[in-house]
């Protein structure tokens, strides 16, 4: 497969080995664009092991995919999507479109993004909890924020990543039982979001929510502007940092493993990357337009009642 595709408004020349059936199927969902001699380049090849190679100028991405075990391996699919969204996210910044490490839902007409401030957790589970009430979801894990409009968007063909602890909660509390026909991998279950919810392609983002679990009390509090800027910076930079330094990844495509453990980011590397690629003033702009809240939960099911307090 060879095609020029538009991903988050960025033209990309994509080449994929014909043997990589599932990956080709997913890439067929992206919009085809005109040939562009200045486009970025992504090449995805069958390999003896998973690998990601980023060129020194950041314009070329080579992804090796080991599919000797299962030609329809959804773990590999997510690893490839992870790499290409991060790669494109490095360049979409120039157009004011930022890749967010977060999961987004719509509730009572408002857009919520459960995001990563460096130590918050429960992004996917929180988005699912909200969407179980509203029946609307935007996307999981890979969402883009257009700062010109403050609209958040994702792609409906990106699977929800349901780790074992989330599956257990949904099974025991919400009686959502995942049968054998759902795709289970070493990293949990991957399923298309439209199997559970209606898809909202894009929506104005009203709130960033940073979730923590606390056995003692339920709290929802607005974060002050200084702490909001730090939290938003982490949300904007964490995916890109992981592309450049994969050691910060919980789900490692290259090492073919996944973890529920939160990995702390290196502040020096984060600050250096911010200085290199973030436009001046963009954090201030987002902070002025989108409110940030920290939520402590005794139980994920307490989320809705806490969010109702936000005016």
Protein backbone atom coordinates (compact mmCIF):
# COMPACT_ATOMS: atom_id res chain seq x y z
CA UNK A 1 0.00 0.00 0.00
CA UNK A 2 1.25 3.46 -0.96
CA UNK A 3 -0.83 6.58 -0.40
CA UNK A 4 -0.79 10.23 0.56
CA UNK A 5 -2.99 10.59 3.64
CA UNK A 6 -4.13 13.48 5.79
CA UNK A 7 -3.68 12.84 9.52
CA UNK A 8 -4.65 15.66 11.88
CA UNK A 9 -4.52 18.04 8.86
CA UNK A 10 -0.92 17.00 8.07
CA UNK A 11 -0.14 15.39 4.65
CA UNK A 12 1.82 12.17 5.06
CA UNK A 13 3.21 9.76 2.49
CA UNK A 14 2.51 6.27 3.84
CA UNK A 15 3.94 2.95 2.65
CA UNK A 16 2.77 -0.31 4.26
CA UNK A 17 3.85 -3.87 3.50
CA UNK A 18 1.02 -5.85 1.93
CA UNK A 19 1.32 -8.59 4.59
CA UNK A 20 0.24 -6.18 7.35
CA UNK A 21 -3.47 -6.68 6.71
CA UNK A 22 -5.00 -5.17 9.84
CA UNK A 23 -2.78 -2.09 9.74
CA UNK A 24 -3.65 -1.49 6.07
CA UNK A 25 -7.36 -1.78 6.89
CA UNK A 26 -7.08 0.85 9.62
CA UNK A 27 -5.06 3.28 7.48
CA UNK A 28 -7.72 3.10 4.77
CA UNK A 29 -9.91 5.12 7.18
CA UNK A 30 -7.71 8.22 6.90
CA UNK A 31 -8.58 10.83 4.32
CA UNK A 32 -6.64 10.64 1.05
CA UNK A 33 -4.94 13.88 0.05
CA UNK A 34 -3.05 15.21 -2.94
CA UNK A 35 0.51 14.21 -3.59
CA UNK A 36 2.81 16.55 -1.70
CA UNK A 37 6.55 16.51 -2.34
CA UNK A 38 7.10 18.18 1.03
CA UNK A 39 5.07 15.64 2.98
CA UNK A 40 6.28 13.63 5.93
CA UNK A 41 7.10 9.98 5.34
CA UNK A 42 5.92 6.92 7.25
CA UNK A 43 7.04 3.44 6.23
CA UNK A 44 5.64 0.36 8.00
CA UNK A 45 7.35 -2.93 7.24
CA UNK A 46 7.13 -6.52 8.41
CA UNK A 47 10.15 -7.25 10.59
CA UNK A 48 11.64 -9.88 12.90
CA UNK A 49 10.84 -7.62 15.87
CA UNK A 50 8.90 -4.45 16.66
CA UNK A 51 10.90 -1.28 16.14
CA UNK A 52 10.48 2.48 15.76
CA UNK A 53 13.10 4.65 14.05
CA UNK A 54 12.68 8.42 13.89
CA UNK A 55 14.99 10.38 11.60
CA UNK A 56 17.16 13.10 13.10
CA UNK A 57 15.14 15.81 11.34
CA UNK A 58 11.87 14.23 12.62
CA UNK A 59 10.49 14.04 9.05
CA UNK A 60 10.69 10.28 8.52
CA UNK A 61 9.32 7.44 10.61
CA UNK A 62 10.14 3.77 10.06
CA UNK A 63 8.06 1.21 11.96
CA UNK A 64 8.98 -2.47 12.01
CA UNK A 65 6.17 -4.88 12.93
CA UNK A 66 6.71 -8.43 14.15
CA UNK A 67 3.61 -10.39 13.13
CA UNK A 68 4.91 -13.93 13.20
CA UNK A 69 2.51 -14.84 16.03
CA UNK A 70 -0.73 -13.26 14.86
CA UNK A 71 -1.30 -11.32 11.61
CA UNK A 72 -4.28 -9.55 13.25
CA UNK A 73 -2.49 -8.54 16.44
CA UNK A 74 -4.32 -5.56 18.00
CA UNK A 75 -1.44 -4.89 20.37
CA UNK A 76 0.73 -4.21 17.33
CA UNK A 77 -2.04 -2.12 15.76
CA UNK A 78 -2.22 0.12 18.82
CA UNK A 79 1.56 0.38 18.90
CA UNK A 80 1.59 1.53 15.27
CA UNK A 81 -1.23 4.05 15.83
CA UNK A 82 0.59 5.29 18.92
CA UNK A 83 3.76 5.91 16.91
CA UNK A 84 2.10 7.59 13.92
CA UNK A 85 -0.10 9.91 16.02
CA UNK A 86 2.92 10.97 18.05
CA UNK A 87 4.95 11.48 14.88
CA UNK A 88 2.22 13.59 13.29
CA UNK A 89 1.72 15.41 16.62
CA UNK A 90 5.28 16.72 16.42
CA UNK A 91 4.36 18.49 13.18
CA UNK A 92 0.69 19.42 13.68
CA UNK A 93 1.89 21.85 16.38
CA UNK A 94 2.86 24.19 13.54
CA UNK A 95 -0.84 24.40 12.63
CA UNK A 96 -1.96 24.91 16.22
CA UNK A 97 -3.15 21.32 16.63
CA UNK A 98 -1.82 19.49 19.67
CA UNK A 99 -1.89 15.79 20.48
CA UNK A 100 -3.35 15.33 23.96
CA UNK A 101 -2.55 12.38 26.19
CA UNK A 102 -6.11 11.88 27.32
CA UNK A 103 -9.54 10.39 26.75
CA UNK A 104 -12.48 12.65 25.94
CA UNK A 105 -16.25 12.47 26.41
CA UNK A 106 -19.29 14.71 26.16
CA UNK A 107 -21.66 15.21 29.10
CA UNK A 108 -24.55 17.69 29.36
CA UNK A 109 -23.31 19.44 26.23
CA UNK A 110 -19.81 20.01 27.64
CA UNK A 111 -16.53 18.53 26.45
CA UNK A 112 -14.41 16.78 29.08
CA UNK A 113 -10.86 15.52 28.59
CA UNK A 114 -9.47 13.22 31.26
CA UNK A 115 -5.82 13.90 30.85
CA UNK A 116 -2.28 13.32 32.08
CA UNK A 117 -0.71 15.85 34.44
CA UNK A 118 2.29 13.60 35.02
CA UNK A 119 0.83 11.49 37.83
CA UNK A 120 -2.96 11.36 37.28
CA UNK A 121 -4.56 8.03 36.33
CA UNK A 122 -7.83 6.49 35.16
CA UNK A 123 -8.22 8.39 31.87
CA UNK A 124 -9.96 5.63 29.92
CA UNK A 125 -12.07 4.47 32.87
CA UNK A 126 -13.21 8.04 33.62
CA UNK A 127 -14.19 8.68 30.00
CA UNK A 128 -16.15 5.42 29.96
CA UNK A 129 -17.90 6.28 33.25
CA UNK A 130 -19.03 9.60 31.79
CA UNK A 131 -20.04 8.07 28.46
CA UNK A 132 -22.11 5.39 30.17
CA UNK A 133 -24.41 8.27 31.22
CA UNK A 134 -24.25 10.47 28.11
CA UNK A 135 -23.75 7.69 25.53
CA UNK A 136 -21.27 9.99 23.77
CA UNK A 137 -17.52 9.57 23.48
CA UNK A 138 -14.92 11.45 21.45
CA UNK A 139 -11.89 9.20 21.74
CA UNK A 140 -9.47 7.31 23.92
CA UNK A 141 -5.78 7.99 24.49
CA UNK A 142 -5.13 9.97 21.28
CA UNK A 143 -7.09 13.23 21.04
CA UNK A 144 -6.11 16.39 19.19
CA UNK A 145 -6.85 19.93 20.39
CA UNK A 146 -7.13 22.72 17.82
CA UNK A 147 -6.23 25.86 19.77
CA UNK A 148 -7.72 28.11 17.08
CA UNK A 149 -11.20 26.83 17.96
CA UNK A 150 -10.57 24.94 21.24
CA UNK A 151 -12.21 21.92 19.57
CA UNK A 152 -11.03 18.46 20.54
CA UNK A 153 -11.24 15.60 18.05
CA UNK A 154 -10.15 12.02 17.60
CA UNK A 155 -10.65 9.16 15.15
CA UNK A 156 -13.58 6.73 15.60
CA UNK A 157 -11.58 3.74 14.40
CA UNK A 158 -9.08 4.00 17.27
CA UNK A 159 -9.99 1.21 19.72
CA UNK A 160 -10.68 1.76 23.39
CA UNK A 161 -7.84 0.29 25.43
CA UNK A 162 -9.42 -1.53 28.35
CA UNK A 163 -6.79 -2.77 30.75
CA UNK A 164 -7.59 -5.72 33.07
CA UNK A 165 -8.46 -3.52 36.07
CA UNK A 166 -10.92 -1.52 33.94
CA UNK A 167 -12.44 -4.71 32.54
CA UNK A 168 -12.87 -6.00 36.09
CA UNK A 169 -14.64 -2.80 37.22
CA UNK A 170 -16.98 -2.77 34.21
CA UNK A 171 -17.78 -6.44 34.71
CA UNK A 172 -18.48 -6.30 38.46
CA UNK A 173 -20.07 -2.85 38.80
CA UNK A 174 -21.73 -2.12 35.47
CA UNK A 175 -22.40 -5.71 34.37
CA UNK A 176 -20.66 -5.12 31.06
CA UNK A 177 -19.32 -8.55 30.19
CA UNK A 178 -16.70 -8.90 27.50
CA UNK A 179 -17.25 -12.16 25.66
CA UNK A 180 -14.64 -14.26 23.93
CA UNK A 181 -15.21 -12.54 20.59
CA UNK A 182 -13.66 -9.34 21.95
CA UNK A 183 -9.99 -9.02 21.13
CA UNK A 184 -7.85 -9.75 24.16
CA UNK A 185 -4.11 -9.13 24.15
CA UNK A 186 -1.29 -9.04 26.66
CA UNK A 187 -2.32 -5.41 27.32
CA UNK A 188 -6.01 -6.09 27.90
CA UNK A 189 -9.01 -5.71 25.58
CA UNK A 190 -9.23 -3.49 22.52
CA UNK A 191 -12.67 -2.73 21.13
CA UNK A 192 -14.12 -0.14 18.82
CA UNK A 193 -15.84 2.67 20.75
CA UNK A 194 -19.03 2.41 18.69
CA UNK A 195 -19.63 -1.00 20.24
CA UNK A 196 -20.49 0.82 23.48
CA UNK A 197 -21.26 4.45 22.60
CA UNK A 198 -22.20 6.97 19.95
CA UNK A 199 -19.18 8.75 18.52
CA UNK A 200 -18.87 12.53 18.73
CA UNK A 201 -16.30 13.38 16.05
CA UNK A 202 -15.35 16.68 17.65
CA UNK A 203 -16.55 19.03 20.37
CA UNK A 204 -15.53 22.24 22.07
CA UNK A 205 -13.33 21.33 25.01
CA UNK A 206 -14.60 22.89 28.21
CA UNK A 207 -12.65 21.08 30.92
CA UNK A 208 -9.42 19.23 31.56
CA UNK A 209 -9.97 16.75 34.40
CA UNK A 210 -7.07 15.09 36.24
CA UNK A 211 -8.17 12.02 38.17
CA UNK A 212 -6.69 10.46 41.30
CA UNK A 213 -8.04 7.64 43.43
CA UNK A 214 -8.25 8.30 47.16
CA UNK A 215 -9.82 5.85 49.59
CA UNK A 216 -10.62 8.56 52.15
CA UNK A 217 -12.76 11.13 50.33
CA UNK A 218 -14.29 12.37 47.08
CA UNK A 219 -13.10 15.85 46.08
CA UNK A 220 -13.47 18.00 42.98
CA UNK A 221 -11.48 21.22 43.04
CA UNK A 222 -10.50 23.77 40.45
CA UNK A 223 -6.76 24.04 39.89
CA UNK A 224 -5.15 27.47 40.13
CA UNK A 225 -3.66 29.02 36.96
CA UNK A 226 -0.02 28.19 37.78
CA UNK A 227 -0.72 24.51 38.47
CA UNK A 228 -3.07 24.42 35.46
CA UNK A 229 -0.22 25.50 33.19
CA UNK A 230 2.00 22.70 34.48
CA UNK A 231 -0.77 20.12 34.08
CA UNK A 232 -1.61 21.28 30.54
CA UNK A 233 2.06 21.26 29.56
CA UNK A 234 2.28 17.60 30.61
CA UNK A 235 -0.91 16.82 28.69
CA UNK A 236 0.51 18.39 25.51
CA UNK A 237 4.02 16.99 25.81
CA UNK A 238 3.75 13.48 27.25
CA UNK A 239 3.01 11.64 23.99
CA UNK A 240 5.80 13.48 22.21
CA UNK A 241 8.24 12.85 25.03
CA UNK A 242 7.48 9.13 24.80
CA UNK A 243 8.16 9.10 21.08
CA UNK A 244 11.60 10.55 21.66
CA UNK A 245 12.24 8.61 24.90
CA UNK A 246 10.20 5.35 24.92
CA UNK A 247 11.35 4.48 28.46
CA UNK A 248 8.44 6.60 29.77
CA UNK A 249 5.83 4.42 28.04
CA UNK A 250 3.53 2.12 30.02
CA UNK A 251 2.55 0.34 26.81
CA UNK A 252 5.80 -0.44 25.03
CA UNK A 253 5.32 -1.46 21.40
CA UNK A 254 9.02 -2.21 20.95
CA UNK A 255 9.29 -4.39 24.07
CA UNK A 256 5.78 -5.85 23.56
CA UNK A 257 4.67 -5.28 27.13
CA UNK A 258 2.18 -3.19 29.10
CA UNK A 259 2.00 -1.98 32.68
CA UNK A 260 -0.53 -0.33 35.00
CA UNK A 261 2.31 1.40 36.85
CA UNK A 262 2.49 5.19 36.49
CA UNK A 263 5.93 6.21 35.23
CA UNK A 264 7.11 9.67 36.34
CA UNK A 265 8.41 11.93 33.59
CA UNK A 266 11.86 13.46 33.67
CA UNK A 267 11.28 17.19 34.28
CA UNK A 268 14.50 18.24 32.58
CA UNK A 269 13.65 16.34 29.41
CA UNK A 270 10.09 17.65 29.48
CA UNK A 271 11.25 21.25 29.86
CA UNK A 272 13.85 20.88 27.12
CA UNK A 273 11.28 19.44 24.71
CA UNK A 274 8.82 22.20 25.60
CA UNK A 275 11.44 24.83 24.83
CA UNK A 276 12.27 23.19 21.49
CA UNK A 277 8.78 22.69 20.07
CA UNK A 278 6.00 24.49 21.95
CA UNK A 279 5.02 27.92 20.54
CA UNK A 280 5.34 30.74 23.03
CA UNK A 281 2.09 31.62 24.74
CA UNK A 282 0.12 28.50 23.78
CA UNK A 283 -0.08 27.22 27.38
CA UNK A 284 -1.42 30.61 28.52
CA UNK A 285 -3.98 30.58 25.71
CA UNK A 286 -5.30 27.14 26.64
CA UNK A 287 -5.36 27.96 30.35
CA UNK A 288 -7.41 31.09 29.67
CA UNK A 289 -10.01 29.14 27.67
CA UNK A 290 -10.25 25.74 29.37
CA UNK A 291 -10.74 25.19 33.10
CA UNK A 292 -8.71 22.51 34.88
CA UNK A 293 -10.00 20.41 37.78
CA UNK A 294 -8.42 17.83 40.02
CA UNK A 295 -10.73 15.00 41.07
CA UNK A 296 -10.07 12.58 43.92
CA UNK A 297 -12.30 9.50 43.81
CA UNK A 298 -12.99 6.83 46.37
CA UNK A 299 -14.69 4.86 43.59
CA UNK A 300 -14.86 5.52 39.82
CA UNK A 301 -18.66 5.53 40.05
CA UNK A 302 -18.47 8.69 42.18
CA UNK A 303 -17.21 10.68 39.18
CA UNK A 304 -20.58 11.79 37.82
CA UNK A 305 -21.79 13.34 41.08
CA UNK A 306 -18.53 15.25 41.44
CA UNK A 307 -18.63 16.60 37.89
CA UNK A 308 -22.19 17.82 38.42
CA UNK A 309 -20.74 20.35 40.86
CA UNK A 310 -18.75 22.05 38.13
CA UNK A 311 -20.55 25.18 36.96
